[in-house]
């Protein structure tokens, strides 16, 4: 699987813990510091995300599998 400019192993999943999200991603983002894997993790427009059906969320046409997660 190729994401951004890096090749990731098959089966790679981005599943950080709550602590990792806060200390390594969100805190850096708020302080305008580089975020780990910034090229591989896409940001989304939350208003657009929640106002559309999941099949309409693609930003580009691709045959790659996409997964979307949400809390119940």
N, C-alpha and C. Protein backbone atom coordinates (compact mmCIF):
# COMPACT_ATOMS: atom_id res chain seq x y z
N UNK A 1 0.85 -1.17 0.00
CA UNK A 1 0.00 0.00 0.00
C UNK A 1 0.90 1.23 0.00
N UNK A 2 0.61 2.18 -0.84
CA UNK A 2 1.38 3.42 -0.88
C UNK A 2 0.47 4.56 -0.47
N UNK A 3 0.88 5.30 0.55
CA UNK A 3 0.14 6.46 1.02
C UNK A 3 1.10 7.62 1.04
N UNK A 4 0.76 8.70 0.39
CA UNK A 4 1.69 9.83 0.32
C UNK A 4 2.95 9.38 -0.39
N UNK A 5 4.10 9.62 0.21
CA UNK A 5 5.37 9.26 -0.42
C UNK A 5 5.99 8.01 0.20
N UNK A 6 5.31 7.38 1.13
CA UNK A 6 5.87 6.22 1.83
C UNK A 6 5.11 4.95 1.49
N UNK A 7 5.82 3.83 1.53
CA UNK A 7 5.18 2.55 1.32
C UNK A 7 4.95 1.92 2.69
N UNK A 8 3.73 1.56 2.97
CA UNK A 8 3.37 0.97 4.25
C UNK A 8 3.11 -0.52 4.06
N UNK A 9 3.33 -1.31 5.09
CA UNK A 9 3.10 -2.75 4.96
C UNK A 9 1.61 -3.07 4.79
N UNK A 10 1.34 -4.18 4.13
CA UNK A 10 -0.03 -4.63 3.96
C UNK A 10 -0.65 -4.82 5.34
N UNK A 11 -1.87 -4.36 5.52
CA UNK A 11 -2.55 -4.51 6.80
C UNK A 11 -2.29 -3.38 7.78
N UNK A 12 -1.53 -2.38 7.36
CA UNK A 12 -1.24 -1.25 8.24
C UNK A 12 -2.53 -0.57 8.67
N UNK A 13 -2.64 -0.26 9.95
CA UNK A 13 -3.81 0.44 10.48
C UNK A 13 -3.32 1.57 11.37
N UNK A 14 -3.93 2.71 11.25
CA UNK A 14 -3.62 3.84 12.12
C UNK A 14 -4.58 3.75 13.29
N UNK A 15 -4.10 3.27 14.43
CA UNK A 15 -4.94 3.08 15.61
C UNK A 15 -4.23 3.60 16.85
N UNK A 16 -3.99 4.92 16.93
CA UNK A 16 -3.28 5.45 18.10
C UNK A 16 -4.15 5.40 19.35
N UNK A 17 -3.49 5.37 20.49
CA UNK A 17 -4.21 5.44 21.76
C UNK A 17 -4.65 6.89 21.97
N UNK A 18 -5.53 7.11 22.93
CA UNK A 18 -5.95 8.48 23.24
C UNK A 18 -4.75 9.33 23.62
N UNK A 19 -3.85 8.77 24.42
CA UNK A 19 -2.65 9.51 24.85
C UNK A 19 -1.77 9.88 23.65
N UNK A 20 -1.59 8.94 22.73
CA UNK A 20 -0.78 9.22 21.53
C UNK A 20 -1.43 10.31 20.68
N UNK A 21 -2.74 10.27 20.53
CA UNK A 21 -3.42 11.31 19.77
C UNK A 21 -3.19 12.68 20.36
N UNK A 22 -3.32 12.80 21.66
CA UNK A 22 -3.16 14.10 22.32
C UNK A 22 -1.71 14.56 22.30
N UNK A 23 -0.78 13.69 22.71
CA UNK A 23 0.61 14.12 22.85
C UNK A 23 1.37 14.23 21.54
N UNK A 24 1.10 13.37 20.59
CA UNK A 24 1.88 13.36 19.35
C UNK A 24 1.20 14.06 18.18
N UNK A 25 -0.10 14.19 18.19
CA UNK A 25 -0.79 14.76 17.05
C UNK A 25 -1.50 16.07 17.39
N UNK A 26 -2.46 16.02 18.28
CA UNK A 26 -3.26 17.20 18.55
C UNK A 26 -2.46 18.34 19.17
N UNK A 27 -1.60 18.04 20.14
CA UNK A 27 -0.80 19.08 20.78
C UNK A 27 0.12 19.75 19.76
N UNK A 28 0.76 18.96 18.93
CA UNK A 28 1.62 19.54 17.89
C UNK A 28 0.82 20.38 16.91
N UNK A 29 -0.35 19.92 16.54
CA UNK A 29 -1.18 20.66 15.59
C UNK A 29 -1.60 22.00 16.17
N UNK A 30 -2.03 22.02 17.42
CA UNK A 30 -2.46 23.26 18.08
C UNK A 30 -1.30 24.24 18.20
N UNK A 31 -0.10 23.73 18.43
CA UNK A 31 1.08 24.59 18.60
C UNK A 31 1.80 24.86 17.27
N UNK A 32 1.18 24.49 16.15
CA UNK A 32 1.73 24.72 14.81
C UNK A 32 3.11 24.09 14.64
N UNK A 33 3.30 22.92 15.24
CA UNK A 33 4.54 22.17 15.07
C UNK A 33 4.27 21.03 14.10
N UNK A 34 5.33 20.48 13.50
CA UNK A 34 5.13 19.35 12.57
C UNK A 34 4.40 18.19 13.24
N UNK A 35 3.49 17.63 12.51
CA UNK A 35 2.71 16.49 13.00
C UNK A 35 3.27 15.22 12.38
N UNK A 36 3.53 14.18 13.18
CA UNK A 36 4.03 12.92 12.60
C UNK A 36 3.10 12.40 11.51
N UNK A 37 3.69 11.95 10.42
CA UNK A 37 2.94 11.36 9.30
C UNK A 37 1.91 12.32 8.71
N UNK A 38 2.19 13.60 8.71
CA UNK A 38 1.23 14.60 8.22
C UNK A 38 0.83 14.36 6.77
N UNK A 39 1.73 13.83 5.95
CA UNK A 39 1.39 13.58 4.55
C UNK A 39 0.48 12.37 4.40
N UNK A 40 0.54 11.45 5.34
CA UNK A 40 -0.24 10.23 5.24
C UNK A 40 -1.62 10.34 5.87
N UNK A 41 -1.81 11.29 6.78
CA UNK A 41 -3.08 11.44 7.47
C UNK A 41 -3.80 12.66 6.89
N UNK A 42 -4.88 12.42 6.21
CA UNK A 42 -5.61 13.52 5.58
C UNK A 42 -6.55 14.19 6.56
N UNK A 43 -6.68 15.49 6.41
CA UNK A 43 -7.67 16.22 7.19
C UNK A 43 -8.95 16.27 6.38
N UNK A 44 -10.06 16.33 7.07
CA UNK A 44 -11.34 16.41 6.39
C UNK A 44 -12.11 17.63 6.86
N UNK A 45 -13.02 18.06 6.03
CA UNK A 45 -13.94 19.14 6.39
C UNK A 45 -15.09 18.48 7.14
N UNK A 46 -15.15 18.69 8.44
CA UNK A 46 -16.13 18.00 9.29
C UNK A 46 -17.56 18.31 8.85
N UNK A 47 -17.84 19.54 8.49
CA UNK A 47 -19.20 19.89 8.06
C UNK A 47 -19.58 19.10 6.81
N UNK A 48 -18.65 18.98 5.87
CA UNK A 48 -18.91 18.22 4.65
C UNK A 48 -19.04 16.73 4.97
N UNK A 49 -18.19 16.25 5.86
CA UNK A 49 -18.19 14.83 6.22
C UNK A 49 -19.53 14.40 6.79
N UNK A 50 -20.08 15.16 7.72
CA UNK A 50 -21.31 14.77 8.38
C UNK A 50 -22.57 15.15 7.61
N UNK A 51 -22.44 15.89 6.54
CA UNK A 51 -23.63 16.28 5.78
C UNK A 51 -23.82 15.45 4.51
N UNK A 52 -22.96 14.47 4.28
CA UNK A 52 -23.03 13.66 3.08
C UNK A 52 -23.13 12.17 3.40
N UNK A 53 -23.70 11.44 2.48
CA UNK A 53 -23.72 9.99 2.56
C UNK A 53 -22.28 9.49 2.38
N UNK A 54 -21.87 8.43 3.09
CA UNK A 54 -20.49 7.95 3.00
C UNK A 54 -19.98 7.72 1.59
N UNK A 55 -20.81 7.24 0.67
CA UNK A 55 -20.32 6.98 -0.69
C UNK A 55 -19.99 8.27 -1.44
N UNK A 56 -20.42 9.41 -0.94
CA UNK A 56 -20.12 10.69 -1.58
C UNK A 56 -18.94 11.42 -0.96
N UNK A 57 -18.20 10.77 -0.07
CA UNK A 57 -17.11 11.42 0.64
C UNK A 57 -15.76 11.37 -0.08
N UNK A 58 -15.65 10.66 -1.16
CA UNK A 58 -14.38 10.54 -1.86
C UNK A 58 -13.93 11.88 -2.42
N UNK A 59 -12.67 12.21 -2.19
CA UNK A 59 -12.09 13.44 -2.74
C UNK A 59 -11.49 13.19 -4.11
N UNK A 60 -11.19 11.95 -4.42
CA UNK A 60 -10.61 11.61 -5.70
C UNK A 60 -11.15 10.26 -6.14
N UNK A 61 -11.21 10.05 -7.43
CA UNK A 61 -11.67 8.77 -7.94
C UNK A 61 -10.54 7.76 -7.79
N UNK A 62 -10.81 6.65 -7.16
CA UNK A 62 -9.79 5.63 -6.96
C UNK A 62 -10.47 4.28 -6.79
N UNK A 63 -9.74 3.22 -7.10
CA UNK A 63 -10.26 1.88 -6.89
C UNK A 63 -9.76 1.30 -5.58
N UNK A 64 -8.98 2.08 -4.83
CA UNK A 64 -8.48 1.60 -3.55
C UNK A 64 -9.62 1.53 -2.54
N UNK A 65 -9.52 0.60 -1.63
CA UNK A 65 -10.52 0.46 -0.58
C UNK A 65 -10.37 1.62 0.40
N UNK A 66 -11.48 2.19 0.79
CA UNK A 66 -11.49 3.27 1.78
C UNK A 66 -12.31 2.82 2.96
N UNK A 67 -11.88 3.18 4.15
CA UNK A 67 -12.63 2.84 5.36
C UNK A 67 -12.95 4.11 6.12
N UNK A 68 -14.16 4.18 6.63
CA UNK A 68 -14.59 5.32 7.43
C UNK A 68 -15.07 4.78 8.76
N UNK A 69 -14.68 5.42 9.83
CA UNK A 69 -15.06 4.98 11.16
C UNK A 69 -15.79 6.10 11.88
N UNK A 70 -16.72 5.71 12.73
CA UNK A 70 -17.44 6.68 13.54
C UNK A 70 -17.82 6.00 14.84
N UNK A 71 -18.04 6.82 15.86
CA UNK A 71 -18.49 6.26 17.14
C UNK A 71 -19.99 6.09 17.10
N UNK A 72 -20.49 5.09 17.81
CA UNK A 72 -21.94 4.86 17.87
C UNK A 72 -22.57 5.82 18.82
